[in-house]
Amino acid sequence: MAKLGELARLIRSKNAGPFELTFDIMFDDEATFKRVCDSHVLNAELIARLYNLSANQVQFFIVPPALAIKASIPRPRFQGDVLDSDGHGGQQYAPLIDIEIP
């Protein structure tokens, strides 16, 4: 087992407009990308659980030409809301780092 944060070259989150966040998980090589994809651990249902959403609120994409996995979710607060604690959405990726991949 390895943590996703150990396998991925980059895990980041950012705004996808004022109402959505997007997560990018990128890999250095095809073998590692395939390992993560073939494990079926990382999927819309897991993202939904980590961010307290329903699976139908998660857009989930596997992008083989980029050796990347992407997901988009609704922001918990719209960008610029008085209670928004992360205006750029750049700190929301943390729960993804410790996902165990066989």
N, C-alpha and C. Protein backbone atom coordinates (compact mmCIF):
# COMPACT_ATOMS: atom_id res chain seq x y z
N MET A 1 0.85 -1.19 0.00
CA MET A 1 0.00 0.00 0.00
C MET A 1 0.88 1.24 0.00
N ALA A 2 0.40 2.24 -0.68
CA ALA A 2 1.08 3.53 -0.71
C ALA A 2 0.02 4.62 -0.65
N LYS A 3 0.39 5.75 -0.14
CA LYS A 3 -0.54 6.88 -0.10
C LYS A 3 -0.51 7.60 -1.44
N LEU A 4 -1.66 8.12 -1.82
CA LEU A 4 -1.77 8.84 -3.08
C LEU A 4 -0.74 9.97 -3.15
N GLY A 5 -0.49 10.63 -2.03
CA GLY A 5 0.49 11.71 -1.99
C GLY A 5 1.91 11.25 -2.29
N GLU A 6 2.19 9.96 -2.09
CA GLU A 6 3.50 9.40 -2.41
C GLU A 6 3.60 9.02 -3.88
N LEU A 7 2.47 8.70 -4.49
CA LEU A 7 2.46 8.22 -5.87
C LEU A 7 2.30 9.33 -6.89
N ALA A 8 1.57 10.37 -6.54
CA ALA A 8 1.28 11.44 -7.49
C ALA A 8 2.42 12.45 -7.54
N ARG A 9 2.67 13.00 -8.71
CA ARG A 9 3.63 14.08 -8.87
C ARG A 9 3.06 15.36 -8.29
N LEU A 10 1.73 15.54 -8.48
CA LEU A 10 1.08 16.77 -8.05
C LEU A 10 -0.36 16.47 -7.65
N ILE A 11 -0.77 16.96 -6.52
CA ILE A 11 -2.17 16.95 -6.11
C ILE A 11 -2.49 18.40 -5.75
N ARG A 12 -3.47 18.97 -6.42
CA ARG A 12 -3.80 20.36 -6.14
C ARG A 12 -5.31 20.58 -6.25
N SER A 13 -5.74 21.65 -5.65
CA SER A 13 -7.13 22.10 -5.78
C SER A 13 -7.10 23.56 -6.18
N LYS A 14 -8.14 23.96 -6.87
CA LYS A 14 -8.25 25.36 -7.28
C LYS A 14 -9.70 25.65 -7.64
N ASN A 15 -9.99 26.92 -7.73
CA ASN A 15 -11.34 27.32 -8.14
C ASN A 15 -11.59 26.92 -9.59
N ALA A 16 -12.81 26.54 -9.85
CA ALA A 16 -13.28 26.33 -11.22
C ALA A 16 -14.48 27.25 -11.37
N GLY A 17 -14.24 28.53 -11.21
CA GLY A 17 -15.31 29.52 -11.14
C GLY A 17 -15.65 29.77 -9.68
N PRO A 18 -16.57 30.67 -9.41
CA PRO A 18 -16.86 31.05 -8.02
C PRO A 18 -17.69 30.01 -7.25
N PHE A 19 -18.22 29.01 -7.94
CA PHE A 19 -19.10 28.06 -7.27
C PHE A 19 -18.59 26.63 -7.26
N GLU A 20 -17.44 26.36 -7.86
CA GLU A 20 -16.91 25.00 -7.93
C GLU A 20 -15.43 24.97 -7.60
N LEU A 21 -14.99 23.81 -7.08
CA LEU A 21 -13.57 23.51 -6.88
C LEU A 21 -13.21 22.37 -7.82
N THR A 22 -11.98 22.38 -8.29
CA THR A 22 -11.51 21.25 -9.08
C THR A 22 -10.23 20.72 -8.46
N PHE A 23 -10.06 19.42 -8.55
CA PHE A 23 -8.88 18.73 -8.03
C PHE A 23 -8.15 18.12 -9.21
N ASP A 24 -6.84 18.30 -9.23
CA ASP A 24 -5.99 17.70 -10.26
C ASP A 24 -5.02 16.77 -9.56
N ILE A 25 -4.95 15.53 -10.04
CA ILE A 25 -4.01 14.55 -9.52
C ILE A 25 -3.21 14.08 -10.73
N MET A 26 -1.93 14.38 -10.74
CA MET A 26 -1.09 14.12 -11.91
C MET A 26 0.06 13.19 -11.55
N PHE A 27 0.45 12.38 -12.53
CA PHE A 27 1.47 11.37 -12.30
C PHE A 27 2.65 11.55 -13.26
N ASP A 28 3.82 11.08 -12.84
CA ASP A 28 5.02 11.18 -13.66
C ASP A 28 5.10 10.14 -14.76
N ASP A 29 4.51 8.97 -14.50
CA ASP A 29 4.67 7.89 -15.46
C ASP A 29 3.38 7.09 -15.61
N GLU A 30 3.28 6.42 -16.73
CA GLU A 30 2.07 5.67 -17.06
C GLU A 30 1.83 4.50 -16.10
N ALA A 31 2.89 3.86 -15.64
CA ALA A 31 2.74 2.71 -14.74
C ALA A 31 2.07 3.12 -13.43
N THR A 32 2.48 4.24 -12.86
CA THR A 32 1.89 4.71 -11.60
C THR A 32 0.45 5.16 -11.84
N PHE A 33 0.23 5.89 -12.91
CA PHE A 33 -1.12 6.32 -13.27
C PHE A 33 -2.03 5.10 -13.42
N LYS A 34 -1.56 4.08 -14.12
CA LYS A 34 -2.35 2.87 -14.33
C LYS A 34 -2.60 2.15 -13.00
N ARG A 35 -1.61 2.10 -12.14
CA ARG A 35 -1.78 1.47 -10.82
C ARG A 35 -2.92 2.11 -10.05
N VAL A 36 -2.93 3.44 -10.02
CA VAL A 36 -3.98 4.15 -9.29
C VAL A 36 -5.34 3.93 -9.96
N CYS A 37 -5.40 4.05 -11.26
CA CYS A 37 -6.68 3.85 -11.98
C CYS A 37 -7.19 2.43 -11.81
N ASP A 38 -6.30 1.45 -11.96
CA ASP A 38 -6.71 0.05 -11.88
C ASP A 38 -7.13 -0.37 -10.47
N SER A 39 -6.71 0.39 -9.47
CA SER A 39 -7.11 0.06 -8.09
C SER A 39 -8.59 0.36 -7.85
N HIS A 40 -9.15 1.28 -8.63
CA HIS A 40 -10.56 1.71 -8.50
C HIS A 40 -10.87 2.30 -7.13
N VAL A 41 -9.84 2.65 -6.38
CA VAL A 41 -10.03 3.28 -5.07
C VAL A 41 -10.50 4.72 -5.25
N LEU A 42 -9.86 5.42 -6.15
CA LEU A 42 -10.17 6.83 -6.38
C LEU A 42 -11.32 6.92 -7.38
N ASN A 43 -12.46 7.41 -6.90
CA ASN A 43 -13.65 7.51 -7.74
C ASN A 43 -14.58 8.59 -7.18
N ALA A 44 -15.66 8.83 -7.88
CA ALA A 44 -16.60 9.89 -7.47
C ALA A 44 -17.18 9.62 -6.09
N GLU A 45 -17.43 8.36 -5.77
CA GLU A 45 -18.02 8.02 -4.47
C GLU A 45 -17.06 8.36 -3.33
N LEU A 46 -15.78 8.09 -3.51
CA LEU A 46 -14.80 8.42 -2.47
C LEU A 46 -14.68 9.93 -2.30
N ILE A 47 -14.61 10.66 -3.40
CA ILE A 47 -14.54 12.12 -3.32
C ILE A 47 -15.77 12.66 -2.59
N ALA A 48 -16.92 12.12 -2.92
CA ALA A 48 -18.17 12.55 -2.26
C ALA A 48 -18.09 12.30 -0.75
N ARG A 49 -17.60 11.13 -0.34
CA ARG A 49 -17.48 10.83 1.09
C ARG A 49 -16.51 11.79 1.78
N LEU A 50 -15.37 12.04 1.14
CA LEU A 50 -14.36 12.91 1.76
C LEU A 50 -14.84 14.34 1.94
N TYR A 51 -15.74 14.79 1.05
CA TYR A 51 -16.18 16.18 1.08
C TYR A 51 -17.65 16.32 1.46
N ASN A 52 -18.20 15.26 2.06
CA ASN A 52 -19.58 15.28 2.57
C ASN A 52 -20.59 15.72 1.50
N LEU A 53 -20.51 15.07 0.36
CA LEU A 53 -21.41 15.34 -0.77
C LEU A 53 -22.08 14.05 -1.20
N SER A 54 -23.03 14.15 -2.09
CA SER A 54 -23.56 12.95 -2.73
C SER A 54 -22.76 12.72 -4.00
N ALA A 55 -22.66 11.49 -4.43
CA ALA A 55 -21.84 11.14 -5.60
C ALA A 55 -22.28 11.89 -6.85
N ASN A 56 -23.58 12.20 -6.95
CA ASN A 56 -24.05 12.90 -8.16
C ASN A 56 -23.60 14.36 -8.19
N GLN A 57 -22.99 14.86 -7.10
CA GLN A 57 -22.46 16.22 -7.08
C GLN A 57 -21.00 16.27 -7.53
N VAL A 58 -20.41 15.11 -7.78
CA VAL A 58 -19.00 15.02 -8.14
C VAL A 58 -18.87 14.73 -9.63
N GLN A 59 -18.12 15.57 -10.31
CA GLN A 59 -17.74 15.29 -11.70
C GLN A 59 -16.35 14.67 -11.64
N PHE A 60 -16.20 13.47 -12.20
CA PHE A 60 -14.96 12.72 -12.07
C PHE A 60 -14.46 12.33 -13.45
N PHE A 61 -13.18 12.61 -13.71
CA PHE A 61 -12.61 12.37 -15.04
C PHE A 61 -11.25 11.69 -14.93
N ILE A 62 -11.04 10.71 -15.76
CA ILE A 62 -9.72 10.11 -15.93
C ILE A 62 -9.23 10.58 -17.29
N VAL A 63 -8.03 11.15 -17.32
CA VAL A 63 -7.50 11.78 -18.53
C VAL A 63 -6.17 11.12 -18.90
N PRO A 64 -6.21 9.97 -19.59
CA PRO A 64 -4.98 9.24 -19.90
C PRO A 64 -3.91 10.05 -20.64
N PRO A 65 -4.25 10.87 -21.65
CA PRO A 65 -3.16 11.60 -22.33
C PRO A 65 -2.36 12.52 -21.41
N ALA A 66 -2.97 12.97 -20.34
CA ALA A 66 -2.29 13.85 -19.38
C ALA A 66 -1.78 13.11 -18.15
N LEU A 67 -1.99 11.78 -18.10
CA LEU A 67 -1.65 10.99 -16.90
C LEU A 67 -2.23 11.66 -15.67
N ALA A 68 -3.53 11.99 -15.76
CA ALA A 68 -4.17 12.77 -14.70
C ALA A 68 -5.56 12.24 -14.37
N ILE A 69 -5.95 12.50 -13.16
CA ILE A 69 -7.32 12.26 -12.69
C ILE A 69 -7.82 13.60 -12.19
N LYS A 70 -9.02 13.95 -12.56
CA LYS A 70 -9.60 15.25 -12.18
C LYS A 70 -10.97 15.01 -11.55
N ALA A 71 -11.33 15.87 -10.63
CA ALA A 71 -12.67 15.85 -10.04
C ALA A 71 -13.07 17.29 -9.75
N SER A 72 -14.35 17.57 -9.92
CA SER A 72 -14.88 18.89 -9.59
C SER A 72 -16.07 18.72 -8.67
N ILE A 73 -16.15 19.61 -7.70
CA ILE A 73 -17.23 19.57 -6.72
C ILE A 73 -17.75 20.99 -6.48
N PRO A 74 -18.96 21.11 -5.95
CA PRO A 74 -19.43 22.44 -5.56
C PRO A 74 -18.59 22.97 -4.39
N ARG A 75 -18.30 24.26 -4.41
CA ARG A 75 -17.60 24.87 -3.27
C ARG A 75 -18.54 24.86 -2.06
N PRO A 76 -18.00 24.66 -0.86
CA PRO A 76 -18.85 24.71 0.33
C PRO A 76 -19.45 26.10 0.56
N ARG A 77 -18.72 27.12 0.18
CA ARG A 77 -19.16 28.52 0.20
C ARG A 77 -18.71 29.13 -1.11
N PHE A 78 -19.52 29.99 -1.70
CA PHE A 78 -19.08 30.58 -2.96
C PHE A 78 -17.89 31.49 -2.71
N GLN A 79 -17.05 31.63 -3.73
CA GLN A 79 -15.84 32.44 -3.61
C GLN A 79 -16.21 33.87 -3.24
N GLY A 80 -15.58 34.37 -2.19
CA GLY A 80 -15.82 35.74 -1.75
C GLY A 80 -16.89 35.86 -0.68
N ASP A 81 -17.60 34.79 -0.37
CA ASP A 81 -18.58 34.81 0.71
C ASP A 81 -17.86 35.18 2.01
N VAL A 82 -18.53 35.86 2.89
CA VAL A 82 -17.94 36.28 4.17
C VAL A 82 -17.37 35.08 4.93
N LEU A 83 -17.99 33.92 4.82
CA LEU A 83 -17.53 32.74 5.54
C LEU A 83 -16.57 31.87 4.72
N ASP A 84 -16.18 32.29 3.54
CA ASP A 84 -15.25 31.54 2.70
C ASP A 84 -13.85 31.66 3.29
N SER A 85 -13.27 30.54 3.67
CA SER A 85 -11.95 30.56 4.32
C SER A 85 -10.81 30.27 3.35
N ASP A 86 -11.11 30.05 2.07
CA ASP A 86 -10.08 29.72 1.09
C ASP A 86 -10.47 30.31 -0.26
N GLY A 87 -10.23 31.59 -0.43
CA GLY A 87 -10.69 32.31 -1.62
C GLY A 87 -10.24 31.73 -2.94
N HIS A 88 -9.07 31.12 -2.97
CA HIS A 88 -8.56 30.56 -4.22
C HIS A 88 -8.82 29.06 -4.35
N GLY A 89 -9.34 28.45 -3.30
CA GLY A 89 -9.60 27.01 -3.33
C GLY A 89 -8.34 26.16 -3.30
N GLY A 90 -7.21 26.77 -3.00
CA GLY A 90 -5.94 26.07 -3.07
C GLY A 90 -5.58 25.20 -1.90
N GLN A 91 -6.39 25.17 -0.86
CA GLN A 91 -6.08 24.38 0.33
C GLN A 91 -7.01 23.19 0.52
N GLN A 92 -7.83 22.90 -0.45
CA GLN A 92 -8.88 21.89 -0.27
C GLN A 92 -8.45 20.48 -0.66
N TYR A 93 -7.26 20.30 -1.16
CA TYR A 93 -6.79 19.01 -1.63
C TYR A 93 -6.32 18.08 -0.51
N ALA A 94 -6.11 18.60 0.69
CA ALA A 94 -5.46 17.85 1.77
C ALA A 94 -6.06 16.46 2.03
N PRO A 95 -7.39 16.26 2.03
CA PRO A 95 -7.92 14.92 2.29
C PRO A 95 -7.51 13.87 1.25
N LEU A 96 -7.06 14.29 0.09
CA LEU A 96 -6.69 13.34 -0.95
C LEU A 96 -5.31 12.72 -0.72
N ILE A 97 -4.45 13.40 -0.01
CA ILE A 97 -3.06 12.98 0.15
C ILE A 97 -2.94 11.61 0.81
N ASP A 98 -3.75 11.32 1.79
CA ASP A 98 -3.61 10.09 2.57
C ASP A 98 -4.46 8.92 2.08
N ILE A 99 -5.06 9.02 0.91
CA ILE A 99 -5.83 7.91 0.36
C ILE A 99 -4.87 6.74 0.10
N GLU A 100 -5.21 5.58 0.63
CA GLU A 100 -4.36 4.38 0.48
C GLU A 100 -4.65 3.70 -0.86
N ILE A 101 -3.60 3.46 -1.63
CA ILE A 101 -3.69 2.80 -2.92
C ILE A 101 -2.93 1.47 -2.83
N PRO A 102 -3.60 0.36 -3.14
CA PRO A 102 -2.89 -0.93 -3.08
C PRO A 102 -1.84 -1.08 -4.19
